[in-house]
């Protein structure tokens, strides 16, 4: 994966970043998952002691809504400082000469993150209701990172100044972004246009925009036999409606064959809600969640089409990307069922 010169440069950079005397790279291998970015596992010896890291860098092609690795790393660092259970943010390298592209380095976390396996293998995650409740608490902590009463709020706000000012109408902004992303790949999808118009007509107000993860779901956290070990993949995070993350987590498209377990395919949603409400002090509005579940299907359909476009455009040939693009019709069918004309109401 890396030539001898790159291995030497990477070890030197890790040594400088950690203030270590000697760093040797014993093994490097690609990690599964991470369908938009590349993740590599590094097995190192740092001053004689064994250390594991994950190196995360851009894949050959990406999608429009994915943040640059530098911004994602700063968000990860803010989450770590706020006490959210995430991998340790070790450092960011802007020099493409080290491994061929800028990259973020974080501590290696044990556990399993593959969504279908987490759902199906009940030996993972410990008590599933307790896991869902803990995930609700972690999500509430994420939403509190930049609140006025959050820990170290001033310093975190300075570090995350690139996010700009909060958006007063996150649902409408999301709809504009999805339309622009469809236009960007030349996709003509009447069912999605129908769904986006429905979403535009029914967009709920957002009294308090917060920092949202925007991909908080089964498949983007890791568990071992005991429970949660880390929340992953912060490339979509930004200002938004806190209910967006709740709807994304509970959406049917992320239950991996367990439609009866509405909290990410692992538990009834009541457990997830209970953890979130206890940690945040906010009550969850079920109708607002239902809206954002429909939006989750719209957004995932657009992302799936973007993933497929990466393949058909020739930017990055991949069977996984090609198959992801073929998920869109199933998502569109769900959107049409959930936005039937009788649901439009008087608006």
Protein backbone atom coordinates (compact mmCIF):
# COMPACT_ATOMS: atom_id res chain seq x y z
CA UNK A 1 0.00 0.00 0.00
CA UNK A 2 2.93 2.32 0.69
CA UNK A 3 6.44 2.26 -0.72
CA UNK A 4 9.50 2.33 1.50
CA UNK A 5 9.83 6.11 1.34
CA UNK A 6 6.21 6.67 2.31
CA UNK A 7 6.51 4.23 5.22
CA UNK A 8 9.54 6.12 6.47
CA UNK A 9 7.78 9.47 6.09
CA UNK A 10 4.66 8.18 7.88
CA UNK A 11 6.67 6.83 10.82
CA UNK A 12 8.55 10.13 11.07
CA UNK A 13 5.28 12.10 11.08
CA UNK A 14 3.74 9.88 13.76
CA UNK A 15 6.88 10.27 15.86
CA UNK A 16 6.75 14.06 15.62
CA UNK A 17 3.03 14.13 16.36
CA UNK A 18 3.37 11.94 19.47
CA UNK A 19 6.71 13.34 20.57
CA UNK A 20 8.10 9.82 20.36
CA UNK A 21 11.71 8.76 19.88
CA UNK A 22 11.18 5.80 17.58
CA UNK A 23 8.21 4.59 15.53
CA UNK A 24 8.19 1.46 13.39
CA UNK A 25 5.36 0.27 11.16
CA UNK A 26 4.82 -3.48 11.54
CA UNK A 27 1.66 -3.85 9.45
CA UNK A 28 -0.74 -1.82 7.33
CA UNK A 29 -3.99 -3.09 5.82
CA UNK A 30 -7.25 -1.65 4.48
CA UNK A 31 -10.29 -1.82 6.74
CA UNK A 32 -13.70 -2.88 5.48
CA UNK A 33 -16.51 -0.33 5.56
CA UNK A 34 -15.92 3.37 4.97
CA UNK A 35 -17.64 3.37 1.58
CA UNK A 36 -16.86 7.03 0.95
CA UNK A 37 -13.39 7.34 2.51
CA UNK A 38 -10.40 4.99 2.79
CA UNK A 39 -9.51 3.62 6.22
CA UNK A 40 -6.25 1.79 6.93
CA UNK A 41 -5.26 -0.05 10.08
CA UNK A 42 -1.70 0.58 11.24
CA UNK A 43 0.08 -1.71 13.69
CA UNK A 44 3.05 0.23 15.08
CA UNK A 45 5.66 0.13 17.78
CA UNK A 46 6.09 3.50 19.46
CA UNK A 47 9.17 3.70 21.67
CA UNK A 48 9.04 -0.07 21.89
CA UNK A 49 5.36 -0.32 22.88
CA UNK A 50 2.62 -1.65 20.59
CA UNK A 51 0.11 0.93 19.31
CA UNK A 52 -2.74 0.59 16.86
CA UNK A 53 -4.03 3.45 14.71
CA UNK A 54 -6.55 4.08 11.96
CA UNK A 55 -5.48 6.30 9.06
CA UNK A 56 -8.38 7.92 7.22
CA UNK A 57 -7.98 9.65 3.87
CA UNK A 58 -10.06 10.51 0.81
CA UNK A 59 -10.94 7.77 -1.63
CA UNK A 60 -10.20 8.43 -5.34
CA UNK A 61 -13.73 9.86 -5.73
CA UNK A 62 -16.14 11.17 -3.13
CA UNK A 63 -19.60 12.79 -2.92
CA UNK A 64 -20.54 16.45 -2.69
CA UNK A 65 -21.83 16.45 0.89
CA UNK A 66 -18.76 14.81 2.45
CA UNK A 67 -16.53 17.21 4.37
CA UNK A 68 -12.78 17.41 3.77
CA UNK A 69 -10.73 15.26 6.15
CA UNK A 70 -9.33 18.34 7.92
CA UNK A 71 -12.82 19.54 8.89
CA UNK A 72 -13.97 16.06 9.88
CA UNK A 73 -10.93 15.71 12.14
CA UNK A 74 -11.67 18.99 13.91
CA UNK A 75 -15.24 17.86 14.57
CA UNK A 76 -13.96 14.52 15.90
CA UNK A 77 -11.53 16.38 18.16
CA UNK A 78 -14.36 18.57 19.50
CA UNK A 79 -16.51 15.51 20.19
CA UNK A 80 -13.63 13.83 22.02
CA UNK A 81 -13.07 16.97 24.14
CA UNK A 82 -16.79 17.07 24.99
CA UNK A 83 -16.74 13.52 26.32
CA UNK A 84 -18.47 11.76 23.42
CA UNK A 85 -17.30 8.16 23.01
CA UNK A 86 -15.15 8.44 19.89
CA UNK A 87 -11.71 7.21 18.83
CA UNK A 88 -8.81 9.28 20.14
CA UNK A 89 -7.96 12.00 17.58
CA UNK A 90 -4.19 11.67 17.26
CA UNK A 91 -3.37 14.21 14.55
CA UNK A 92 -4.02 15.54 11.08
CA UNK A 93 -1.44 15.66 8.28
CA UNK A 94 -2.04 18.20 5.53
CA UNK A 95 1.08 17.19 3.57
CA UNK A 96 0.07 14.95 0.61
CA UNK A 97 3.70 13.90 0.24
CA UNK A 98 3.53 11.55 3.24
CA UNK A 99 1.03 8.94 1.99
CA UNK A 100 -0.23 10.54 -1.22
CA UNK A 101 -3.08 12.59 0.26
CA UNK A 102 -3.91 14.50 3.45
CA UNK A 103 -5.04 12.17 6.24
CA UNK A 104 -6.33 11.98 9.79
CA UNK A 105 -4.88 9.58 12.34
CA UNK A 106 -6.90 8.26 15.25
CA UNK A 107 -6.53 5.57 17.87
CA UNK A 108 -7.61 2.04 16.94
CA UNK A 109 -10.79 0.99 18.76
CA UNK A 110 -11.76 -2.63 19.29
CA UNK A 111 -15.16 -3.91 18.23
CA UNK A 112 -17.43 -4.56 15.25
CA UNK A 113 -19.07 -1.84 13.21
CA UNK A 114 -20.66 -3.60 10.22
CA UNK A 115 -24.38 -2.82 10.47
CA UNK A 116 -25.87 -6.17 9.33
CA UNK A 117 -23.56 -8.10 11.64
CA UNK A 118 -24.30 -5.86 14.63
CA UNK A 119 -28.04 -6.35 14.10
CA UNK A 120 -27.93 -10.11 13.51
CA UNK A 121 -25.25 -11.20 15.99
CA UNK A 122 -26.90 -10.72 19.38
CA UNK A 123 -23.67 -11.71 21.12
CA UNK A 124 -22.48 -8.20 20.26
CA UNK A 125 -23.42 -5.05 22.12
CA UNK A 126 -24.51 -6.57 25.42
CA UNK A 127 -28.08 -5.89 26.47
CA UNK A 128 -29.69 -4.38 23.40
CA UNK A 129 -32.13 -2.10 25.22
CA UNK A 130 -29.24 -0.77 27.31
CA UNK A 131 -27.19 -0.27 24.14
CA UNK A 132 -29.99 1.72 22.51
CA UNK A 133 -30.37 3.83 25.64
CA UNK A 134 -26.63 4.53 25.74
CA UNK A 135 -26.67 5.51 22.07
CA UNK A 136 -29.48 7.94 22.87
CA UNK A 137 -27.32 9.47 25.59
CA UNK A 138 -24.32 9.74 23.28
CA UNK A 139 -26.44 11.46 20.64
CA UNK A 140 -27.66 13.96 23.24
CA UNK A 141 -24.03 14.70 24.16
CA UNK A 142 -23.25 15.36 20.50
CA UNK A 143 -26.14 17.80 20.31
CA UNK A 144 -24.81 19.57 23.38
CA UNK A 145 -21.27 20.15 22.10
CA UNK A 146 -21.86 23.74 20.99
CA UNK A 147 -24.74 24.68 23.28
CA UNK A 148 -24.13 27.67 25.52
CA UNK A 149 -23.98 25.44 28.60
CA UNK A 150 -21.78 22.79 26.95
CA UNK A 151 -18.32 21.88 28.35
CA UNK A 152 -15.55 24.15 27.05
CA UNK A 153 -18.03 25.77 24.70
CA UNK A 154 -15.94 28.85 23.85
CA UNK A 155 -12.84 26.89 22.87
CA UNK A 156 -14.86 24.39 20.87
CA UNK A 157 -16.73 27.17 19.08
CA UNK A 158 -13.41 28.73 18.03
CA UNK A 159 -12.13 25.38 16.72
CA UNK A 160 -15.37 24.81 14.79
CA UNK A 161 -15.74 28.35 13.43
CA UNK A 162 -15.54 26.94 9.89
CA UNK A 163 -19.13 25.68 10.38
CA UNK A 164 -20.36 29.27 10.12
CA UNK A 165 -23.58 30.52 11.68
CA UNK A 166 -26.43 28.13 12.48
CA UNK A 167 -29.11 27.78 9.84
CA UNK A 168 -32.56 28.88 11.01
CA UNK A 169 -34.30 26.52 8.54
CA UNK A 170 -32.23 23.31 8.37
CA UNK A 171 -34.95 21.23 6.71
CA UNK A 172 -35.28 23.64 3.78
CA UNK A 173 -31.49 23.87 3.49
CA UNK A 174 -31.29 20.08 3.40
CA UNK A 175 -33.87 19.97 0.60
CA UNK A 176 -31.95 22.55 -1.45
CA UNK A 177 -28.76 20.55 -0.96
CA UNK A 178 -30.37 17.29 -2.06
CA UNK A 179 -31.77 18.93 -5.19
CA UNK A 180 -28.37 20.41 -6.01
CA UNK A 181 -26.69 17.03 -5.50
CA UNK A 182 -29.17 15.35 -7.85
CA UNK A 183 -28.54 18.06 -10.45
CA UNK A 184 -24.80 17.66 -9.95
CA UNK A 185 -24.88 14.07 -11.18
CA UNK A 186 -27.56 14.69 -13.80
CA UNK A 187 -30.09 12.39 -12.10
CA UNK A 188 -33.73 12.69 -13.21
CA UNK A 189 -35.84 10.95 -10.55
CA UNK A 190 -39.51 12.00 -10.46
CA UNK A 191 -40.19 10.02 -7.26
CA UNK A 192 -37.46 11.92 -5.43
CA UNK A 193 -38.69 15.25 -6.79
CA UNK A 194 -42.14 14.33 -5.47
CA UNK A 195 -40.69 13.46 -2.07
CA UNK A 196 -38.62 16.63 -1.90
CA UNK A 197 -41.68 18.73 -2.70
CA UNK A 198 -43.63 16.93 0.03
CA UNK A 199 -40.77 17.60 2.45
CA UNK A 200 -40.70 21.26 1.44
CA UNK A 201 -44.44 21.62 2.12
CA UNK A 202 -44.21 19.91 5.52
CA UNK A 203 -40.86 21.24 6.79
CA UNK A 204 -41.05 21.65 10.60
CA UNK A 205 -39.57 24.63 12.43
CA UNK A 206 -36.29 24.21 14.29
CA UNK A 207 -36.25 26.31 17.48
CA UNK A 208 -32.63 25.49 18.31
CA UNK A 209 -30.16 24.30 15.65
CA UNK A 210 -27.35 22.20 17.13
CA UNK A 211 -24.28 20.32 15.94
CA UNK A 212 -25.68 17.14 14.38
CA UNK A 213 -23.77 14.03 13.32
CA UNK A 214 -25.95 13.46 10.20
CA UNK A 215 -24.94 9.80 9.85
CA UNK A 216 -25.72 8.49 13.35
CA UNK A 217 -26.91 4.94 12.64
CA UNK A 218 -26.18 1.27 13.08
CA UNK A 219 -23.08 0.73 10.99
CA UNK A 220 -21.40 3.92 12.21
CA UNK A 221 -20.77 2.86 15.78
CA UNK A 222 -18.68 0.00 17.11
CA UNK A 223 -19.58 -2.58 19.74
CA UNK A 224 -17.89 -5.48 21.47
CA UNK A 225 -19.45 -8.23 23.58
CA UNK A 226 -20.06 -5.77 26.41
CA UNK A 227 -21.48 -2.75 24.63
CA UNK A 228 -20.61 0.46 22.79
CA UNK A 229 -16.95 1.23 22.08
CA UNK A 230 -17.05 4.23 19.70
CA UNK A 231 -19.10 6.53 17.45
CA UNK A 232 -17.54 6.76 13.98
CA UNK A 233 -17.71 8.68 10.67
CA UNK A 234 -18.12 12.41 11.25
CA UNK A 235 -17.75 13.54 7.64
CA UNK A 236 -21.33 14.85 7.32
CA UNK A 237 -21.57 16.67 10.67
CA UNK A 238 -22.70 20.29 10.84
CA UNK A 239 -25.49 22.54 12.04
CA UNK A 240 -28.96 21.05 11.89
CA UNK A 241 -32.19 20.07 13.59
CA UNK A 242 -31.49 17.62 16.44
CA UNK A 243 -34.50 15.54 15.38
CA UNK A 244 -32.72 14.88 12.06
CA UNK A 245 -30.29 12.53 13.82
CA UNK A 246 -33.10 10.78 15.69
CA UNK A 247 -35.04 10.20 12.47
CA UNK A 248 -31.92 8.97 10.67
CA UNK A 249 -31.17 6.46 13.42
CA UNK A 250 -34.74 5.13 13.49
CA UNK A 251 -35.42 5.14 9.73
CA UNK A 252 -36.47 1.79 8.27
CA UNK A 253 -33.60 1.87 5.76
CA UNK A 254 -31.08 1.46 8.62
CA UNK A 255 -32.67 -1.50 10.46
CA UNK A 256 -30.87 -4.17 8.40
CA UNK A 257 -33.66 -6.69 8.18
CA UNK A 258 -35.25 -6.05 11.57
CA UNK A 259 -38.15 -3.67 10.82
CA UNK A 260 -39.71 -4.54 14.18
CA UNK A 261 -36.76 -3.03 16.06
CA UNK A 262 -37.23 0.62 15.18
CA UNK A 263 -34.12 1.90 16.98
CA UNK A 264 -31.49 1.00 14.41
CA UNK A 265 -32.53 -2.65 14.18
CA UNK A 266 -31.33 -3.34 17.73
CA UNK A 267 -34.18 -2.37 20.09
CA UNK A 268 -37.59 -0.69 20.37
CA UNK A 269 -37.30 3.05 19.86
CA UNK A 270 -38.57 3.69 23.42
CA UNK A 271 -35.17 2.72 24.85
CA UNK A 272 -33.33 5.05 22.48
CA UNK A 273 -35.75 7.88 23.23
CA UNK A 274 -35.40 7.28 26.96
CA UNK A 275 -31.63 7.71 26.87
CA UNK A 276 -31.82 10.80 24.68
CA UNK A 277 -34.47 12.54 26.77
CA UNK A 278 -32.73 11.75 30.05
CA UNK A 279 -29.39 13.17 28.87
CA UNK A 280 -30.68 16.15 26.88
CA UNK A 281 -33.65 17.25 28.95
CA UNK A 282 -35.63 17.56 25.68
CA UNK A 283 -38.88 15.79 24.86
CA UNK A 284 -38.96 14.03 21.48
CA UNK A 285 -41.84 14.95 19.15
CA UNK A 286 -42.93 11.74 17.34
CA UNK A 287 -44.38 13.66 14.37
CA UNK A 288 -41.13 15.55 13.87
CA UNK A 289 -39.26 12.22 13.98
CA UNK A 290 -41.64 10.80 11.35
CA UNK A 291 -40.86 13.74 9.05
CA UNK A 292 -37.11 13.24 9.44
CA UNK A 293 -37.47 9.49 8.81
CA UNK A 294 -38.96 10.34 5.41
CA UNK A 295 -36.14 12.81 4.88
CA UNK A 296 -33.69 10.02 5.78
CA UNK A 297 -35.00 7.92 2.89
CA UNK A 298 -34.74 10.90 0.55
CA UNK A 299 -31.20 11.67 1.60
CA UNK A 300 -30.04 8.06 1.50
CA UNK A 301 -31.55 7.67 -1.98
CA UNK A 302 -29.58 10.70 -3.20
CA UNK A 303 -26.38 9.43 -1.58
CA UNK A 304 -26.93 5.99 -3.13
CA UNK A 305 -27.26 7.58 -6.56
CA UNK A 306 -24.11 9.61 -5.94
CA UNK A 307 -22.27 6.44 -4.96
CA UNK A 308 -23.45 4.71 -8.11
CA UNK A 309 -22.34 7.72 -10.16
CA UNK A 310 -18.81 7.36 -8.81
CA UNK A 311 -18.74 3.97 -10.54
CA UNK A 312 -20.57 4.67 -13.81
CA UNK A 313 -18.62 7.92 -14.34
CA UNK A 314 -15.37 5.96 -14.29
CA UNK A 315 -13.96 7.96 -11.38
CA UNK A 316 -13.75 4.88 -9.15
CA UNK A 317 -14.64 1.45 -10.52
CA UNK A 318 -16.28 -0.57 -7.74
CA UNK A 319 -18.93 -3.30 -7.61
CA UNK A 320 -19.96 -2.04 -4.14
CA UNK A 321 -20.57 1.46 -5.47
CA UNK A 322 -22.49 0.11 -8.47
CA UNK A 323 -24.74 -2.00 -6.23
CA UNK A 324 -25.31 0.91 -3.86
CA UNK A 325 -26.65 2.96 -6.73
CA UNK A 326 -29.25 0.25 -7.38
CA UNK A 327 -30.76 0.74 -3.91
CA UNK A 328 -32.51 3.93 -4.99
CA UNK A 329 -35.73 2.36 -6.42
CA UNK A 330 -36.50 0.56 -3.15
CA UNK A 331 -35.99 3.78 -1.22
CA UNK A 332 -38.18 5.66 -3.69
CA UNK A 333 -40.99 3.12 -3.16
CA UNK A 334 -40.86 3.78 0.58
CA UNK A 335 -40.91 7.54 0.01
CA UNK A 336 -43.98 7.29 -2.23
CA UNK A 337 -45.83 5.16 0.33
CA UNK A 338 -45.03 7.58 3.15
CA UNK A 339 -45.94 10.71 1.18
CA UNK A 340 -49.23 9.55 -0.36
CA UNK A 341 -51.55 12.45 -1.33
CA UNK A 342 -53.85 11.96 1.67
CA UNK A 343 -50.89 12.78 3.94
CA UNK A 344 -50.43 16.25 2.44
CA UNK A 345 -53.19 17.76 4.59
CA UNK A 346 -54.36 21.29 3.93
CA UNK A 347 -50.96 22.70 3.02
